[in-house]
Protein backbone atom coordinates (compact mmCIF):
# COMPACT_ATOMS: atom_id res chain seq x y z
CA PRO A 1 40.26 11.92 3.11
CA PRO A 2 38.91 14.71 0.57
CA MET A 3 36.51 11.98 -0.90
CA MET A 4 35.74 11.38 2.02
CA ALA A 5 34.31 14.55 2.73
CA GLY A 6 32.85 15.30 -0.74
CA LEU A 7 30.95 12.00 0.71
CA ILE A 8 29.88 13.58 4.18
CA ALA A 9 28.53 16.47 2.48
CA VAL A 10 26.06 15.02 -0.38
CA ALA A 11 25.13 12.56 2.75
CA LEU A 12 24.00 16.12 4.49
CA VAL A 13 22.58 17.69 1.54
CA VAL A 14 20.97 14.50 0.74
CA GLY A 15 19.03 14.26 4.26
CA VAL A 16 17.99 18.46 3.75
CA LEU A 17 16.53 16.95 0.49
CA ILE A 18 14.85 13.84 1.72
CA GLY A 19 13.34 16.61 5.18
CA ALA A 20 12.16 19.08 3.21
CA VAL A 21 10.85 18.28 -0.21
CA GLY A 22 10.68 14.01 0.12
CA VAL A 23 13.43 13.65 -3.02
CA GLY A 24 16.51 13.61 -2.90
CA GLY A 25 18.05 9.96 -2.04
CA ILE A 26 18.52 8.98 -5.74
CA LEU A 27 21.66 11.65 -5.64
CA LEU A 28 23.82 9.48 -2.90
CA ILE A 29 24.06 6.33 -5.20
CA PRO A 30 26.34 8.32 -7.87
CA ALA A 31 28.24 10.05 -4.98
CA LEU A 32 28.64 6.72 -3.78
CA ASN A 33 30.10 5.48 -7.14
CA LEU A 34 32.36 8.25 -7.68
CA LEU A 35 33.33 8.55 -4.39
CA ALA A 36 33.52 5.63 -2.31
CA PRO A 37 33.87 4.17 -5.28
CA LEU A 38 31.64 1.34 -4.52
CA PRO A 39 30.59 -1.26 -7.72
CA ILE A 40 26.93 0.57 -8.92
CA GLN A 41 24.84 -2.43 -7.31
CA ALA A 42 26.82 -1.98 -4.03
CA SER A 43 26.25 1.76 -4.03
CA MET A 44 22.43 1.16 -4.35
CA ALA A 45 22.17 -0.98 -1.48
CA THR A 46 24.32 0.66 0.72
CA ALA A 47 22.52 4.02 -0.07
CA LEU A 48 18.81 1.51 0.14
CA PHE A 49 19.84 0.61 3.97
CA THR A 50 20.98 4.47 4.96
CA PHE A 51 17.31 5.43 4.30
CA ILE A 52 15.82 3.11 6.49
CA PHE A 53 17.05 5.27 8.91
CA THR A 54 16.12 8.68 7.06
CA GLY A 55 12.51 7.44 6.71
CA ILE A 56 11.94 6.57 10.13
CA VAL A 57 13.46 9.67 11.96
CA GLY A 58 11.56 11.72 9.11
CA THR A 59 8.61 10.22 10.34
CA TRP A 60 8.79 11.16 13.95
CA PHE A 61 9.91 14.42 12.78
CA PHE A 62 6.69 15.14 10.48
CA GLN A 63 4.80 13.23 13.50
CA ARG A 64 5.52 15.21 16.09
CA ARG A 65 4.29 18.46 14.14
CA GLY A 66 1.46 16.59 13.34
CA SER A 67 2.14 16.44 9.15
CA ILE A 68 1.16 13.01 8.13
CA ASP A 69 -2.05 12.83 7.28
CA TRP A 70 -2.55 8.27 8.02
CA SER A 71 -5.45 8.69 6.35
CA VAL A 72 -3.57 9.34 3.33
CA THR A 73 -0.83 7.34 4.40
CA LEU A 74 -1.71 4.04 5.32
CA PRO A 75 -3.06 3.02 1.77
CA LEU A 76 0.11 4.22 0.08
CA CYS A 77 2.02 1.87 2.43
CA VAL A 78 0.28 -0.98 2.11
CA GLY A 79 0.28 -0.46 -1.77
CA GLY A 80 4.40 -0.14 -1.80
CA ALA A 81 4.71 -2.73 0.38
CA LEU A 82 2.64 -5.32 -1.84
CA PHE A 83 4.03 -4.51 -4.89
CA GLY A 84 7.59 -3.72 -3.98
CA ALA A 85 8.49 -7.48 -4.01
CA VAL A 86 6.76 -7.58 -7.52
CA GLY A 87 9.16 -4.93 -8.99
CA ALA A 88 11.97 -6.51 -7.77
CA TRP A 89 11.08 -10.13 -9.17
CA ALA A 90 10.14 -8.08 -12.46
CA ASN A 91 13.71 -6.56 -12.49
CA ALA A 92 14.83 -9.66 -12.88
CA LEU A 93 12.81 -10.79 -16.10
CA LEU A 94 12.08 -7.83 -17.72
CA ASP A 95 14.79 -4.89 -19.35
CA ALA A 96 15.70 -2.77 -16.77
CA HIS A 97 18.14 -0.57 -18.61
CA LEU A 98 14.43 0.59 -20.87
CA LEU A 99 12.04 0.06 -18.04
CA GLY A 100 14.72 2.60 -16.46
CA LEU A 101 14.63 5.19 -19.48
CA VAL A 102 11.03 5.30 -19.30
CA LEU A 103 10.93 5.80 -15.35
CA ALA A 104 13.20 8.73 -15.63
CA VAL A 105 11.11 10.38 -19.04
CA LEU A 106 8.02 9.81 -16.49
CA ILE A 107 10.33 11.55 -13.69
CA VAL A 108 11.21 14.63 -15.78
CA LEU A 109 7.56 14.67 -17.10
CA ALA A 110 5.61 14.64 -13.61
CA GLY A 111 8.22 17.07 -13.08
CA VAL A 112 7.81 19.43 -15.79
CA TYR A 113 4.13 19.50 -14.91
CA THR A 114 4.30 20.20 -11.47
CA LEU A 115 6.68 23.25 -11.81
CA LEU A 116 4.28 24.76 -14.44
CA GLY A 117 0.81 23.66 -12.88
CA GLY A 118 0.75 26.78 -11.22
CA GLY A 119 0.44 27.80 -7.82
CA ALA A 120 -3.32 27.91 -7.50
CA ARG A 121 -3.76 24.80 -4.85
CA ARG A 122 -5.88 22.23 -7.47
CA ARG A 123 -9.20 19.95 -5.68
CA THR A 124 -7.66 16.95 -4.50
CA ALA A 125 -8.90 14.03 -6.74
CA PHE A 126 -11.86 11.94 -5.55
CA GLU A 127 -11.83 14.57 -2.58
CA GLY A 128 -15.51 13.59 -0.29
CA ARG A 129 -15.51 9.81 -2.17
CA PRO A 130 -13.09 7.82 0.10
CA ARG A 131 -13.37 5.17 -1.42
CA GLN A 132 -12.20 6.04 -4.49
CA ARG A 133 -9.64 8.61 -3.47
CA ARG A 134 -7.98 5.31 -1.04
CA ALA A 135 -7.98 3.20 -4.29
CA LEU A 136 -5.91 6.37 -5.59
CA LEU A 137 -3.34 5.87 -3.04
CA PHE A 138 -3.22 2.31 -3.03
CA GLY A 139 -2.67 3.05 -6.85
CA ILE A 140 0.59 5.57 -6.08
CA GLY A 141 1.78 2.99 -3.45
CA ALA A 142 2.01 0.12 -5.67
CA LEU A 143 3.36 2.01 -8.78
CA THR A 144 6.27 3.13 -5.92
CA GLY A 145 6.95 0.52 -5.14
CA PHE A 146 6.77 -1.20 -8.11
CA GLY A 147 9.31 1.63 -9.44
CA SER A 148 11.17 1.29 -6.33
CA GLY A 149 12.09 -2.44 -6.66
CA LEU A 150 12.57 -2.54 -10.34
CA THR A 151 15.06 0.66 -10.95
CA GLY A 152 16.33 0.71 -6.71
CA VAL A 153 14.82 4.59 -7.34
CA GLY A 154 14.09 6.03 -3.64
CA GLY A 155 10.22 5.05 -2.97
CA PRO A 156 9.36 9.10 -2.32
CA ALA A 157 11.06 10.29 -5.99
CA LEU A 158 7.99 8.24 -7.17
CA SER A 159 5.26 9.22 -4.80
CA VAL A 160 6.27 12.36 -4.18
CA PRO A 161 5.29 14.20 -7.84
CA MET A 162 2.52 11.35 -8.35
CA MET A 163 0.40 12.87 -4.78
CA VAL A 164 1.26 16.33 -5.98
CA LEU A 165 -0.27 15.66 -9.86
CA SER A 166 -3.14 14.18 -7.54
CA GLY A 167 -4.06 17.33 -5.80
CA PHE A 168 -2.38 16.70 -2.20
CA ALA A 169 -0.52 19.19 -0.85
CA PRO A 170 3.02 19.16 -0.75
CA LEU A 171 3.96 19.15 2.45
CA THR A 172 0.80 16.17 2.99
CA ALA A 173 2.81 14.56 0.38
CA ILE A 174 6.67 14.84 2.01
CA GLY A 175 5.28 13.60 5.27
CA ALA A 176 3.77 10.72 3.56
CA SER A 177 7.02 9.80 1.58
CA GLN A 178 9.10 9.43 5.02
CA VAL A 179 6.82 6.53 6.09
CA VAL A 180 6.98 5.22 2.29
CA GLN A 181 10.48 5.51 2.43
CA ILE A 182 10.63 3.00 5.50
CA LEU A 183 9.14 0.27 3.46
CA ALA A 184 11.36 0.76 0.39
CA SER A 185 13.83 0.70 1.76
CA VAL A 186 13.42 -2.29 4.99
CA SER A 187 11.89 -4.45 1.70
CA GLY A 188 14.76 -4.10 -0.74
CA SER A 189 17.95 -3.86 2.01
CA VAL A 190 16.49 -7.34 2.84
CA GLY A 191 17.82 -9.32 -0.25
CA HIS A 192 21.23 -7.20 -0.33
CA LEU A 193 21.96 -7.87 2.81
CA ALA A 194 21.28 -11.78 2.30
CA HIS A 195 24.03 -11.10 -0.01
CA GLY A 196 26.83 -8.95 1.37
CA ILE A 197 26.74 -6.47 -0.46
CA VAL A 198 25.84 -3.80 1.83
CA ASP A 199 28.90 -1.39 3.38
CA LEU A 200 27.62 -1.27 6.77
CA GLU A 201 30.49 0.77 8.32
CA LEU A 202 29.80 3.29 5.32
CA ALA A 203 26.17 3.19 5.73
CA ALA A 204 27.06 3.47 9.76
CA LEU A 205 28.81 6.98 8.75
CA LEU A 206 26.85 8.87 6.11
CA THR A 207 23.25 7.37 8.28
CA VAL A 208 24.92 10.33 10.64
CA PHE A 209 24.58 13.02 8.47
CA GLU A 210 21.89 12.02 6.89
CA VAL A 211 19.81 12.24 9.64
CA ALA A 212 21.24 15.30 10.58
CA GLY A 213 19.91 16.35 7.28
CA VAL A 214 16.47 15.33 7.30
CA TRP A 215 16.68 17.54 10.65
CA ILE A 216 17.68 20.61 8.90
CA GLY A 217 14.84 19.75 6.31
CA VAL A 218 12.22 19.08 8.33
CA HIS A 219 12.33 22.43 9.83
CA LEU A 220 12.55 24.16 6.61
CA ALA A 221 9.93 22.74 5.04
CA HIS A 222 7.43 23.68 7.81
CA ALA A 223 8.87 27.25 7.39
CA VAL A 224 8.62 27.79 3.52
CA ASP A 225 5.42 28.69 1.52
CA ALA A 226 3.48 25.65 0.11
CA ALA A 227 3.89 26.97 -3.43
CA LEU A 228 7.60 27.73 -3.01
CA LEU A 229 7.70 24.02 -1.84
CA ARG A 230 5.41 23.04 -4.41
CA ARG A 231 7.84 25.02 -7.22
CA ALA A 232 10.65 22.97 -5.37
CA VAL A 233 9.83 19.36 -6.10
CA GLY A 234 9.36 20.19 -9.76
CA ALA A 235 12.58 21.58 -9.76
CA LEU A 236 13.94 18.94 -8.30
CA CYS A 237 11.76 16.13 -9.63
CA ILE A 238 13.28 17.64 -12.96
CA ALA A 239 16.87 17.49 -12.31
CA VAL A 240 16.67 13.68 -10.65
CA GLY A 241 14.65 12.26 -14.14
CA ALA A 242 17.18 14.24 -16.03
CA GLY A 243 20.08 12.72 -13.70
CA LEU A 244 18.68 8.70 -14.55
CA LEU A 245 17.71 9.58 -17.94
CA LEU A 246 22.07 10.70 -18.44
CA ARG A 247 23.02 7.12 -16.49
CA ALA A 248 20.80 5.06 -18.53
CA LEU A 249 22.00 6.72 -21.73
């Protein structure tokens, strides 16, 4: 059916974006909501479940090419793992709509700053001070995990712009985002699976095309210029943030 063909095409594009710039998974949620059509909560849960596998495959591809800096990635993952559950807990207590608006604005601003911040390689924050750098990465991971748990936004949509703004190379940020994606998706999916709101049949089909897309995206990430990649991250953050803003409004 045309709807299914459209979903498959979106899944392929989402995979390419996840592999190439880390950000892009958020696009699958409105597609599932409009084309499947699944209720928004089931769309979020089903998309999140597929990201476990895109994260695993992306991590494997980036690791094979030596593009994951584990000294950067591990503190990020610890923060994300600890604060993902806190975000989910806060979601039940706070006005998620208002927080979703704030988050959308922050993603747009981060995208604008990344896009206009110039192509020159800036110094990494706390360069030469490993303890402070680990604390910064833990903080970025914590904000990423909290934001993911709170709003359902995929981890890389938050971690990549924050890392690029902190002076980390785009490829380093994208490689780390693949690993963060696994943790964010597993922690979120446990609750969703318990409530039975994941469409496992649809998730299995979409995962095949997303994984194929990730393979293409990883090749693109390693083939294109770092400044071009930085601009792509900025433009995509603006698009994702604007989409979230429109959805929230």
